[in-house]
Amino acid sequence: MKIGILGGTFNPIHSGHIAMAEYVLRHMGMNKICFLPNGQPPHKKDDKIADKHHRLEMVKLAIEDKPEFYVSDYEIMQDKHCYTVDTIKYFHSLNDDEYYFILGADSLFQLSTWKDADELKKICSFIVCDRARQGNTDAEVKKLRQQGCNIMLCDMPLIDITSTSIRQMIKDGMDISGYTATNVAQYIYDNKLYL
């Protein structure tokens, strides 16, 4: 099977994440999408990150009616920073499925700064979702391919939703039901998250 891995803080998960996963599933030949919430993201040092167990539960709620989606708690259950190179090795150890790590174009330009980037480029395949045609994505993809990196470019429509804007809406007392699943919005309100 071909499985797309969509990692993230999901703080909170929103309809943009779901739309990206659905687009990759339909247009890039994936059989499943694995949502991979991270526990202690090494690139984010922010006290506004909800507890990892809340974030995991929100992902479960957001995808509960989508049989082609599933969630992995691998990174959530680690008591340390998780790096993509180690996570990909873990997934490869599970079975013979083909795994594709889904990136936004902004992350593509940071890829060479990731831990063990040269090894990662050899052992991991990537799908780059260029939602806003940021920078010279085509040139960066070409350069990485020349370095032996397996990358597919996914041109998808711009989705103008961010977790940051949703957290601000919650603080401002605004209705977020149009931006995330109804059950996720209810979970946020019930647990008084992001206030």
N, C-alpha and C. Protein backbone atom coordinates (compact mmCIF):
# COMPACT_ATOMS: atom_id res chain seq x y z
N MET A 1 0.83 -1.20 0.00
CA MET A 1 0.00 0.00 0.00
C MET A 1 0.87 1.25 0.00
N LYS A 2 0.32 2.31 -0.57
CA LYS A 2 0.96 3.62 -0.53
C LYS A 2 0.26 4.45 0.54
N ILE A 3 1.04 4.90 1.50
CA ILE A 3 0.47 5.63 2.64
C ILE A 3 1.14 7.00 2.75
N GLY A 4 0.31 8.04 2.76
CA GLY A 4 0.80 9.39 2.97
C GLY A 4 0.79 9.70 4.46
N ILE A 5 1.89 10.23 4.97
CA ILE A 5 1.99 10.58 6.39
C ILE A 5 1.87 12.09 6.50
N LEU A 6 0.83 12.54 7.20
CA LEU A 6 0.64 13.97 7.43
C LEU A 6 0.94 14.25 8.90
N GLY A 7 2.15 14.75 9.13
CA GLY A 7 2.56 15.07 10.48
C GLY A 7 2.24 16.52 10.82
N GLY A 8 2.17 16.81 12.09
CA GLY A 8 1.92 18.19 12.49
C GLY A 8 1.61 18.30 13.97
N THR A 9 1.55 19.53 14.43
CA THR A 9 1.18 19.77 15.81
C THR A 9 -0.33 19.61 15.99
N PHE A 10 -1.10 19.96 14.94
CA PHE A 10 -2.56 19.87 14.98
C PHE A 10 -3.10 20.56 16.24
N ASN A 11 -2.84 21.86 16.30
CA ASN A 11 -3.09 22.63 17.52
C ASN A 11 -4.05 23.80 17.28
N PRO A 12 -5.32 23.54 16.88
CA PRO A 12 -5.97 22.24 16.70
C PRO A 12 -5.99 21.81 15.23
N ILE A 13 -6.41 20.56 15.00
CA ILE A 13 -6.64 20.10 13.63
C ILE A 13 -7.82 20.89 13.06
N HIS A 14 -7.75 21.21 11.76
CA HIS A 14 -8.82 22.01 11.16
C HIS A 14 -9.16 21.49 9.76
N SER A 15 -10.15 22.10 9.14
CA SER A 15 -10.64 21.61 7.84
C SER A 15 -9.59 21.72 6.75
N GLY A 16 -8.60 22.60 6.91
CA GLY A 16 -7.51 22.68 5.94
C GLY A 16 -6.65 21.42 5.95
N HIS A 17 -6.39 20.89 7.14
CA HIS A 17 -5.64 19.63 7.23
C HIS A 17 -6.40 18.50 6.54
N ILE A 18 -7.70 18.44 6.80
CA ILE A 18 -8.52 17.38 6.21
C ILE A 18 -8.58 17.52 4.69
N ALA A 19 -8.75 18.76 4.21
CA ALA A 19 -8.80 18.99 2.76
C ALA A 19 -7.48 18.60 2.10
N MET A 20 -6.36 18.93 2.74
CA MET A 20 -5.06 18.55 2.18
C MET A 20 -4.93 17.03 2.10
N ALA A 21 -5.31 16.34 3.18
CA ALA A 21 -5.22 14.88 3.20
C ALA A 21 -6.11 14.26 2.12
N GLU A 22 -7.33 14.78 1.97
CA GLU A 22 -8.25 14.25 0.95
C GLU A 22 -7.71 14.50 -0.45
N TYR A 23 -7.13 15.67 -0.68
CA TYR A 23 -6.58 15.99 -1.99
C TYR A 23 -5.41 15.06 -2.34
N VAL A 24 -4.51 14.86 -1.39
CA VAL A 24 -3.37 13.96 -1.62
C VAL A 24 -3.86 12.54 -1.86
N LEU A 25 -4.83 12.10 -1.08
CA LEU A 25 -5.37 10.75 -1.24
C LEU A 25 -5.92 10.55 -2.65
N ARG A 26 -6.70 11.51 -3.12
CA ARG A 26 -7.38 11.37 -4.42
C ARG A 26 -6.47 11.61 -5.62
N HIS A 27 -5.51 12.52 -5.49
CA HIS A 27 -4.74 12.96 -6.66
C HIS A 27 -3.32 12.42 -6.73
N MET A 28 -2.83 11.81 -5.65
CA MET A 28 -1.44 11.35 -5.64
C MET A 28 -1.32 9.82 -5.51
N GLY A 29 -2.43 9.13 -5.69
CA GLY A 29 -2.38 7.66 -5.73
C GLY A 29 -2.15 6.97 -4.40
N MET A 30 -2.52 7.64 -3.30
CA MET A 30 -2.35 7.02 -1.99
C MET A 30 -3.54 6.10 -1.68
N ASN A 31 -3.28 5.05 -0.89
CA ASN A 31 -4.35 4.18 -0.42
C ASN A 31 -4.90 4.62 0.93
N LYS A 32 -4.02 5.20 1.75
CA LYS A 32 -4.40 5.65 3.09
C LYS A 32 -3.61 6.91 3.43
N ILE A 33 -4.15 7.65 4.38
CA ILE A 33 -3.42 8.79 4.95
C ILE A 33 -3.31 8.56 6.45
N CYS A 34 -2.08 8.64 6.94
CA CYS A 34 -1.81 8.50 8.37
C CYS A 34 -1.57 9.89 8.96
N PHE A 35 -2.39 10.27 9.92
CA PHE A 35 -2.19 11.53 10.65
C PHE A 35 -1.23 11.25 11.81
N LEU A 36 -0.19 12.06 11.91
CA LEU A 36 0.87 11.82 12.89
C LEU A 36 1.07 13.07 13.76
N PRO A 37 0.26 13.22 14.81
CA PRO A 37 0.48 14.36 15.70
C PRO A 37 1.80 14.21 16.47
N ASN A 38 2.54 15.32 16.59
CA ASN A 38 3.80 15.21 17.33
C ASN A 38 3.61 15.63 18.77
N GLY A 39 4.41 15.01 19.63
CA GLY A 39 4.30 15.26 21.06
C GLY A 39 5.03 16.50 21.51
N GLN A 40 6.32 16.56 21.21
CA GLN A 40 7.16 17.71 21.57
C GLN A 40 7.85 18.19 20.30
N PRO A 41 7.17 19.00 19.51
CA PRO A 41 7.76 19.42 18.24
C PRO A 41 9.07 20.18 18.45
N PRO A 42 10.17 19.72 17.81
CA PRO A 42 11.46 20.35 18.05
C PRO A 42 11.56 21.78 17.52
N HIS A 43 10.69 22.12 16.56
CA HIS A 43 10.76 23.45 15.93
C HIS A 43 9.80 24.45 16.57
N LYS A 44 9.01 24.00 17.56
CA LYS A 44 8.04 24.91 18.19
C LYS A 44 8.26 24.93 19.69
N LYS A 45 8.57 26.10 20.20
CA LYS A 45 8.71 26.26 21.64
C LYS A 45 7.65 27.28 22.06
N ASP A 46 6.46 26.78 22.24
CA ASP A 46 5.32 27.67 22.42
C ASP A 46 4.43 27.13 23.53
N ASP A 47 4.19 27.94 24.54
CA ASP A 47 3.35 27.47 25.64
C ASP A 47 1.87 27.45 25.27
N LYS A 48 1.55 27.85 24.04
CA LYS A 48 0.15 27.82 23.59
C LYS A 48 -0.22 26.47 22.97
N ILE A 49 0.70 25.51 23.00
CA ILE A 49 0.41 24.19 22.44
C ILE A 49 -0.41 23.40 23.46
N ALA A 50 -1.57 22.93 23.03
CA ALA A 50 -2.42 22.14 23.93
C ALA A 50 -1.74 20.83 24.29
N ASP A 51 -2.13 20.26 25.41
CA ASP A 51 -1.59 18.97 25.84
C ASP A 51 -1.69 17.96 24.71
N LYS A 52 -0.65 17.13 24.58
CA LYS A 52 -0.58 16.20 23.45
C LYS A 52 -1.75 15.22 23.41
N HIS A 53 -2.28 14.86 24.57
CA HIS A 53 -3.40 13.91 24.59
C HIS A 53 -4.68 14.58 24.07
N HIS A 54 -4.85 15.87 24.34
CA HIS A 54 -5.98 16.60 23.75
C HIS A 54 -5.83 16.66 22.23
N ARG A 55 -4.63 16.95 21.75
CA ARG A 55 -4.42 17.07 20.31
C ARG A 55 -4.64 15.73 19.61
N LEU A 56 -4.20 14.65 20.22
CA LEU A 56 -4.43 13.31 19.67
C LEU A 56 -5.93 13.02 19.60
N GLU A 57 -6.64 13.32 20.66
CA GLU A 57 -8.08 13.06 20.69
C GLU A 57 -8.81 13.88 19.63
N MET A 58 -8.40 15.13 19.43
CA MET A 58 -9.04 15.97 18.41
C MET A 58 -8.82 15.39 17.00
N VAL A 59 -7.63 14.86 16.75
CA VAL A 59 -7.38 14.23 15.44
C VAL A 59 -8.29 13.02 15.27
N LYS A 60 -8.40 12.20 16.29
CA LYS A 60 -9.28 11.02 16.22
C LYS A 60 -10.71 11.43 15.90
N LEU A 61 -11.18 12.48 16.57
CA LEU A 61 -12.54 12.95 16.32
C LEU A 61 -12.71 13.46 14.88
N ALA A 62 -11.72 14.20 14.40
CA ALA A 62 -11.82 14.82 13.07
C ALA A 62 -11.88 13.80 11.94
N ILE A 63 -11.30 12.61 12.16
CA ILE A 63 -11.22 11.63 11.06
C ILE A 63 -12.07 10.39 11.32
N GLU A 64 -12.88 10.41 12.38
CA GLU A 64 -13.59 9.18 12.77
C GLU A 64 -14.54 8.64 11.70
N ASP A 65 -15.03 9.48 10.80
CA ASP A 65 -15.96 9.00 9.77
C ASP A 65 -15.28 8.85 8.41
N LYS A 66 -13.93 8.80 8.41
CA LYS A 66 -13.18 8.72 7.15
C LYS A 66 -12.32 7.44 7.17
N PRO A 67 -12.82 6.35 6.56
CA PRO A 67 -12.13 5.06 6.67
C PRO A 67 -10.74 5.02 6.03
N GLU A 68 -10.44 5.94 5.12
CA GLU A 68 -9.12 5.93 4.48
C GLU A 68 -8.08 6.69 5.30
N PHE A 69 -8.52 7.29 6.41
CA PHE A 69 -7.62 8.01 7.30
C PHE A 69 -7.45 7.23 8.60
N TYR A 70 -6.26 7.30 9.16
CA TYR A 70 -6.04 6.75 10.51
C TYR A 70 -5.00 7.61 11.22
N VAL A 71 -4.88 7.41 12.52
CA VAL A 71 -3.95 8.21 13.31
C VAL A 71 -2.91 7.30 13.96
N SER A 72 -1.68 7.77 13.98
CA SER A 72 -0.61 7.06 14.71
C SER A 72 -0.24 7.88 15.95
N ASP A 73 -0.13 7.19 17.07
CA ASP A 73 0.27 7.87 18.30
C ASP A 73 1.77 7.69 18.57
N TYR A 74 2.52 7.25 17.56
CA TYR A 74 3.94 6.95 17.75
C TYR A 74 4.70 8.14 18.35
N GLU A 75 4.58 9.32 17.75
CA GLU A 75 5.35 10.47 18.25
C GLU A 75 4.75 11.02 19.54
N ILE A 76 3.43 10.98 19.65
CA ILE A 76 2.77 11.46 20.87
C ILE A 76 3.26 10.70 22.10
N MET A 77 3.52 9.40 21.94
CA MET A 77 3.88 8.57 23.09
C MET A 77 5.35 8.66 23.47
N GLN A 78 6.16 9.34 22.65
CA GLN A 78 7.58 9.50 22.98
C GLN A 78 7.76 10.61 24.01
N ASP A 79 8.68 10.41 24.91
CA ASP A 79 8.97 11.44 25.93
C ASP A 79 10.20 12.25 25.53
N LYS A 80 10.26 12.58 24.26
CA LYS A 80 11.40 13.33 23.74
C LYS A 80 10.97 13.97 22.42
N HIS A 81 11.84 14.85 21.91
CA HIS A 81 11.60 15.39 20.59
C HIS A 81 11.71 14.26 19.57
N CYS A 82 10.81 14.25 18.60
CA CYS A 82 10.87 13.26 17.53
C CYS A 82 11.32 13.95 16.24
N TYR A 83 12.16 13.25 15.52
CA TYR A 83 12.66 13.78 14.26
C TYR A 83 12.19 12.87 13.13
N THR A 84 11.92 13.49 11.98
CA THR A 84 11.33 12.76 10.86
C THR A 84 12.17 11.56 10.46
N VAL A 85 13.48 11.69 10.48
CA VAL A 85 14.34 10.58 10.05
C VAL A 85 14.11 9.35 10.92
N ASP A 86 13.95 9.55 12.22
CA ASP A 86 13.73 8.42 13.13
C ASP A 86 12.32 7.85 12.97
N THR A 87 11.35 8.74 12.77
CA THR A 87 9.97 8.29 12.59
C THR A 87 9.83 7.46 11.31
N ILE A 88 10.47 7.91 10.23
CA ILE A 88 10.41 7.16 8.97
C ILE A 88 11.04 5.78 9.13
N LYS A 89 12.15 5.70 9.86
CA LYS A 89 12.77 4.39 10.12
C LYS A 89 11.80 3.49 10.88
N TYR A 90 11.08 4.07 11.84
CA TYR A 90 10.10 3.30 12.60
C TYR A 90 9.01 2.76 11.67
N PHE A 91 8.46 3.61 10.81
CA PHE A 91 7.40 3.15 9.91
C PHE A 91 7.91 2.07 8.95
N HIS A 92 9.13 2.23 8.46
CA HIS A 92 9.71 1.21 7.57
C HIS A 92 9.86 -0.13 8.29
N SER A 93 10.06 -0.09 9.60
CA SER A 93 10.25 -1.34 10.36
C SER A 93 8.93 -2.10 10.54
N LEU A 94 7.79 -1.44 10.30
CA LEU A 94 6.49 -2.06 10.56
C LEU A 94 6.08 -3.07 9.50
N ASN A 95 6.35 -2.72 8.23
CA ASN A 95 5.85 -3.53 7.12
C ASN A 95 6.53 -3.08 5.83
N ASP A 96 6.04 -3.58 4.72
CA ASP A 96 6.63 -3.24 3.42
C ASP A 96 5.84 -2.17 2.67
N ASP A 97 4.95 -1.48 3.35
CA ASP A 97 4.19 -0.41 2.70
C ASP A 97 5.13 0.71 2.26
N GLU A 98 4.69 1.46 1.25
CA GLU A 98 5.44 2.63 0.79
C GLU A 98 4.89 3.85 1.53
N TYR A 99 5.78 4.57 2.19
CA TYR A 99 5.38 5.75 2.97
C TYR A 99 5.87 7.02 2.28
N TYR A 100 4.98 8.01 2.22
CA TYR A 100 5.29 9.31 1.61
C TYR A 100 5.00 10.39 2.65
N PHE A 101 6.01 11.15 3.00
CA PHE A 101 5.85 12.20 4.00
C PHE A 101 5.32 13.45 3.31
N ILE A 102 4.19 13.97 3.78
CA ILE A 102 3.53 15.12 3.15
C ILE A 102 4.06 16.41 3.77
N LEU A 103 4.51 17.30 2.91
CA LEU A 103 5.08 18.58 3.34
C LEU A 103 4.34 19.74 2.70
N GLY A 104 4.31 20.86 3.38
CA GLY A 104 3.95 22.12 2.74
C GLY A 104 5.19 22.70 2.08
N ALA A 105 5.00 23.58 1.10
CA ALA A 105 6.15 24.14 0.39
C ALA A 105 7.08 24.90 1.34
N ASP A 106 6.51 25.51 2.39
CA ASP A 106 7.36 26.23 3.34
C ASP A 106 8.36 25.29 4.00
N SER A 107 7.92 24.07 4.33
CA SER A 107 8.82 23.08 4.94
C SER A 107 9.84 22.55 3.94
N LEU A 108 9.47 22.50 2.67
CA LEU A 108 10.39 22.02 1.64
C LEU A 108 11.69 22.81 1.66
N PHE A 109 11.57 24.12 1.81
CA PHE A 109 12.76 24.98 1.76
C PHE A 109 13.60 24.86 3.03
N GLN A 110 13.05 24.23 4.07
CA GLN A 110 13.79 24.02 5.32
C GLN A 110 14.36 22.60 5.43
N LEU A 111 14.05 21.75 4.45
CA LEU A 111 14.35 20.32 4.55
C LEU A 111 15.84 20.05 4.83
N SER A 112 16.70 20.82 4.22
CA SER A 112 18.14 20.58 4.39
C SER A 112 18.63 20.90 5.79
N THR A 113 17.80 21.58 6.60
CA THR A 113 18.20 21.90 7.98
C THR A 113 17.69 20.85 8.97
N TRP A 114 16.90 19.88 8.50
CA TRP A 114 16.34 18.87 9.39
C TRP A 114 17.44 17.91 9.85
N LYS A 115 17.20 17.23 10.96
CA LYS A 115 18.17 16.28 11.50
C LYS A 115 18.49 15.19 10.47
N ASP A 116 19.77 14.93 10.29
CA ASP A 116 20.25 13.89 9.36
C ASP A 116 19.58 14.02 7.99
N ALA A 117 19.57 15.24 7.48
CA ALA A 117 18.84 15.54 6.24
C ALA A 117 19.31 14.69 5.06
N ASP A 118 20.61 14.46 4.94
CA ASP A 118 21.12 13.68 3.81
C ASP A 118 20.60 12.24 3.85
N GLU A 119 20.58 11.65 5.04
CA GLU A 119 20.04 10.30 5.18
C GLU A 119 18.54 10.30 4.93
N LEU A 120 17.86 11.29 5.47
CA LEU A 120 16.41 11.39 5.30
C LEU A 120 16.03 11.44 3.82
N LYS A 121 16.77 12.22 3.04
CA LYS A 121 16.48 12.35 1.60
C LYS A 121 16.62 11.02 0.87
N LYS A 122 17.43 10.12 1.40
CA LYS A 122 17.63 8.82 0.75
C LYS A 122 16.57 7.80 1.15
N ILE A 123 16.09 7.88 2.40
CA ILE A 123 15.19 6.82 2.89
C ILE A 123 13.72 7.21 2.85
N CYS A 124 13.42 8.48 2.55
CA CYS A 124 12.04 8.96 2.63
C CYS A 124 11.59 9.52 1.29
N SER A 125 10.38 9.21 0.91
CA SER A 125 9.74 9.84 -0.24
C SER A 125 8.85 10.97 0.27
N PHE A 126 8.72 12.02 -0.52
CA PHE A 126 7.97 13.20 -0.10
C PHE A 126 6.89 13.56 -1.11
N ILE A 127 5.79 14.09 -0.60
CA ILE A 127 4.79 14.76 -1.42
C ILE A 127 4.75 16.20 -0.93
N VAL A 128 5.01 17.13 -1.83
CA VAL A 128 5.04 18.54 -1.48
C VAL A 128 3.76 19.20 -1.97
N CYS A 129 2.97 19.71 -1.04
CA CYS A 129 1.74 20.42 -1.37
C CYS A 129 2.04 21.91 -1.45
N ASP A 130 2.03 22.42 -2.66
CA ASP A 130 2.35 23.84 -2.85
C ASP A 130 1.05 24.60 -2.96
N ARG A 131 0.58 25.07 -1.81
CA ARG A 131 -0.73 25.71 -1.75
C ARG A 131 -0.70 27.16 -2.21
N ALA A 132 0.44 27.79 -2.13
CA ALA A 132 0.48 29.22 -2.45
C ALA A 132 1.58 29.57 -3.45
N ARG A 133 2.16 28.52 -4.05
CA ARG A 133 3.27 28.73 -4.99
C ARG A 133 4.33 29.61 -4.35
N GLN A 134 4.81 29.18 -3.19
CA GLN A 134 5.79 29.96 -2.43
C GLN A 134 7.17 29.80 -3.04
N GLY A 135 7.84 30.92 -3.25
CA GLY A 135 9.20 30.87 -3.74
C GLY A 135 9.30 30.12 -5.06
N ASN A 136 10.45 29.58 -5.32
CA ASN A 136 10.65 28.83 -6.55
C ASN A 136 10.61 27.35 -6.23
N THR A 137 9.41 26.84 -5.99
CA THR A 137 9.23 25.45 -5.57
C THR A 137 9.77 24.47 -6.60
N ASP A 138 9.48 24.72 -7.88
CA ASP A 138 9.91 23.79 -8.93
C ASP A 138 11.43 23.64 -8.94
N ALA A 139 12.14 24.75 -8.79
CA ALA A 139 13.61 24.71 -8.79
C ALA A 139 14.13 23.94 -7.57
N GLU A 140 13.49 24.13 -6.41
CA GLU A 140 13.92 23.43 -5.19
C GLU A 140 13.67 21.93 -5.32
N VAL A 141 12.52 21.56 -5.90
CA VAL A 141 12.22 20.14 -6.11
C VAL A 141 13.25 19.53 -7.06
N LYS A 142 13.56 20.23 -8.12
CA LYS A 142 14.55 19.74 -9.10
C LYS A 142 15.91 19.54 -8.44
N LYS A 143 16.32 20.50 -7.61
CA LYS A 143 17.60 20.41 -6.92
C LYS A 143 17.64 19.19 -6.00
N LEU A 144 16.56 18.97 -5.24
CA LEU A 144 16.52 17.83 -4.32
C LEU A 144 16.47 16.51 -5.06
N ARG A 145 15.78 16.48 -6.19
CA ARG A 145 15.76 15.25 -7.00
C ARG A 145 17.17 14.92 -7.51
N GLN A 146 17.91 15.95 -7.87
CA GLN A 146 19.29 15.72 -8.33
C GLN A 146 20.17 15.17 -7.21
N GLN A 147 19.77 15.41 -5.95
CA GLN A 147 20.49 14.87 -4.80
C GLN A 147 20.01 13.46 -4.45
N GLY A 148 19.11 12.90 -5.27
CA GLY A 148 18.61 11.55 -5.05
C GLY A 148 17.34 11.46 -4.23
N CYS A 149 16.71 12.58 -3.98
CA CYS A 149 15.50 12.61 -3.16
C CYS A 149 14.27 12.33 -4.04
N ASN A 150 13.40 11.44 -3.57
CA ASN A 150 12.18 11.11 -4.30
C ASN A 150 11.07 12.07 -3.85
N ILE A 151 10.70 13.00 -4.72
CA ILE A 151 9.69 14.02 -4.38
C ILE A 151 8.64 14.09 -5.47
N MET A 152 7.37 14.11 -5.05
CA MET A 152 6.27 14.38 -5.97
C MET A 152 5.68 15.73 -5.59
N LEU A 153 5.34 16.51 -6.59
CA LEU A 153 4.76 17.84 -6.36
C LEU A 153 3.26 17.76 -6.55
N CYS A 154 2.53 18.23 -5.56
CA CYS A 154 1.07 18.19 -5.59
C CYS A 154 0.56 19.63 -5.64
N ASP A 155 0.03 20.02 -6.80
CA ASP A 155 -0.55 21.36 -6.94
C ASP A 155 -1.96 21.32 -6.39
N MET A 156 -2.18 21.94 -5.28
CA MET A 156 -3.52 21.90 -4.71
C MET A 156 -4.01 23.32 -4.46
N PRO A 157 -5.31 23.50 -4.39
CA PRO A 157 -5.86 24.85 -4.17
C PRO A 157 -5.41 25.43 -2.83
N LEU A 158 -5.32 26.73 -2.78
CA LEU A 158 -4.95 27.42 -1.55
C LEU A 158 -6.06 27.27 -0.52
N ILE A 159 -5.69 26.88 0.69
CA ILE A 159 -6.63 26.77 1.80
C ILE A 159 -6.18 27.77 2.86
N ASP A 160 -6.97 28.80 3.04
CA ASP A 160 -6.54 29.90 3.90
C ASP A 160 -7.09 29.74 5.32
N ILE A 161 -6.64 28.67 5.99
CA ILE A 161 -7.03 28.42 7.38
C ILE A 161 -5.76 28.03 8.14
N THR A 162 -5.57 28.59 9.31
CA THR A 162 -4.43 28.19 10.14
C THR A 162 -4.90 27.89 11.55
N SER A 163 -4.15 27.05 12.23
CA SER A 163 -4.45 26.77 13.64
C SER A 163 -4.30 28.04 14.47
N THR A 164 -3.33 28.87 14.11
CA THR A 164 -3.13 30.13 14.84
C THR A 164 -4.37 31.01 14.78
N SER A 165 -4.95 31.13 13.58
CA SER A 165 -6.14 31.98 13.45
C SER A 165 -7.33 31.39 14.20
N ILE A 166 -7.44 30.08 14.24
CA ILE A 166 -8.53 29.43 14.98
C ILE A 166 -8.36 29.68 16.48
N ARG A 167 -7.14 29.57 16.98
CA ARG A 167 -6.91 29.83 18.41
C ARG A 167 -7.28 31.28 18.75
N GLN A 168 -6.98 32.20 17.85
CA GLN A 168 -7.32 33.60 18.09
C GLN A 168 -8.84 33.80 18.09
N MET A 169 -9.51 33.11 17.16
CA MET A 169 -10.97 33.19 17.11
C MET A 169 -11.59 32.71 18.42
N ILE A 170 -11.03 31.63 18.98
CA ILE A 170 -11.54 31.09 20.25
C ILE A 170 -11.36 32.13 21.35
N LYS A 171 -10.19 32.74 21.41
CA LYS A 171 -9.93 33.77 22.43
C LYS A 171 -10.89 34.94 22.29
N ASP A 172 -11.25 35.25 21.03
CA ASP A 172 -12.14 36.37 20.76
C ASP A 172 -13.61 36.01 20.89
N GLY A 173 -13.88 34.75 21.26
CA GLY A 173 -15.27 34.32 21.45
C GLY A 173 -16.03 34.09 20.16
N MET A 174 -15.30 33.88 19.06
CA MET A 174 -15.96 33.68 17.75
C MET A 174 -16.29 32.21 17.53
N ASP A 175 -17.23 31.95 16.66
CA ASP A 175 -17.66 30.60 16.31
C ASP A 175 -16.65 29.98 15.35
N ILE A 176 -16.11 28.80 15.70
CA ILE A 176 -15.12 28.14 14.85
C ILE A 176 -15.70 26.95 14.10
N SER A 177 -17.01 26.74 14.19
CA SER A 177 -17.60 25.53 13.63
C SER A 177 -17.40 25.41 12.11
N GLY A 178 -17.20 26.51 11.42
CA GLY A 178 -16.96 26.43 9.98
C GLY A 178 -15.52 26.10 9.62
N TYR A 179 -14.66 26.05 10.61
CA TYR A 179 -13.23 25.88 10.34
C TYR A 179 -12.66 24.55 10.82
N THR A 180 -13.41 23.86 11.64
CA THR A 180 -13.00 22.54 12.10
C THR A 180 -14.24 21.68 12.27
N ALA A 181 -14.05 20.38 12.40
CA ALA A 181 -15.20 19.49 12.53
C ALA A 181 -16.03 19.87 13.75
N THR A 182 -17.34 19.66 13.67
CA THR A 182 -18.25 20.03 14.75
C THR A 182 -17.86 19.36 16.07
N ASN A 183 -17.50 18.07 15.98
CA ASN A 183 -17.14 17.35 17.21
C ASN A 183 -15.82 17.86 17.79
N VAL A 184 -14.91 18.34 16.92
CA VAL A 184 -13.65 18.93 17.40
C VAL A 184 -13.94 20.27 18.10
N ALA A 185 -14.77 21.08 17.48
CA ALA A 185 -15.14 22.37 18.09
C ALA A 185 -15.77 22.13 19.46
N GLN A 186 -16.66 21.14 19.56
CA GLN A 186 -17.31 20.83 20.84
C GLN A 186 -16.29 20.37 21.88
N TYR A 187 -15.33 19.57 21.43
CA TYR A 187 -14.28 19.09 22.34
C TYR A 187 -13.47 20.26 22.88
N ILE A 188 -13.15 21.21 22.01
CA ILE A 188 -12.39 22.40 22.43
C ILE A 188 -13.17 23.18 23.48
N TYR A 189 -14.46 23.40 23.22
CA TYR A 189 -15.29 24.15 24.17
C TYR A 189 -15.45 23.39 25.49
N ASP A 190 -15.70 22.07 25.39
CA ASP A 190 -15.91 21.27 26.59
C ASP A 190 -14.68 21.25 27.49
N ASN A 191 -13.50 21.27 26.86
CA ASN A 191 -12.26 21.18 27.63
C ASN A 191 -11.59 22.54 27.85
N LYS A 192 -12.31 23.59 27.42
CA LYS A 192 -11.83 24.98 27.63
C LYS A 192 -10.40 25.18 27.11
N LEU A 193 -10.16 24.66 25.90
CA LEU A 193 -8.83 24.79 25.30
C LEU A 193 -8.67 26.15 24.63
N TYR A 194 -7.46 26.64 24.63
CA TYR A 194 -7.05 27.87 23.93
C TYR A 194 -7.68 29.15 24.48
N LEU A 195 -8.23 29.09 25.67
CA LEU A 195 -8.74 30.31 26.30
C LEU A 195 -7.60 30.96 27.05
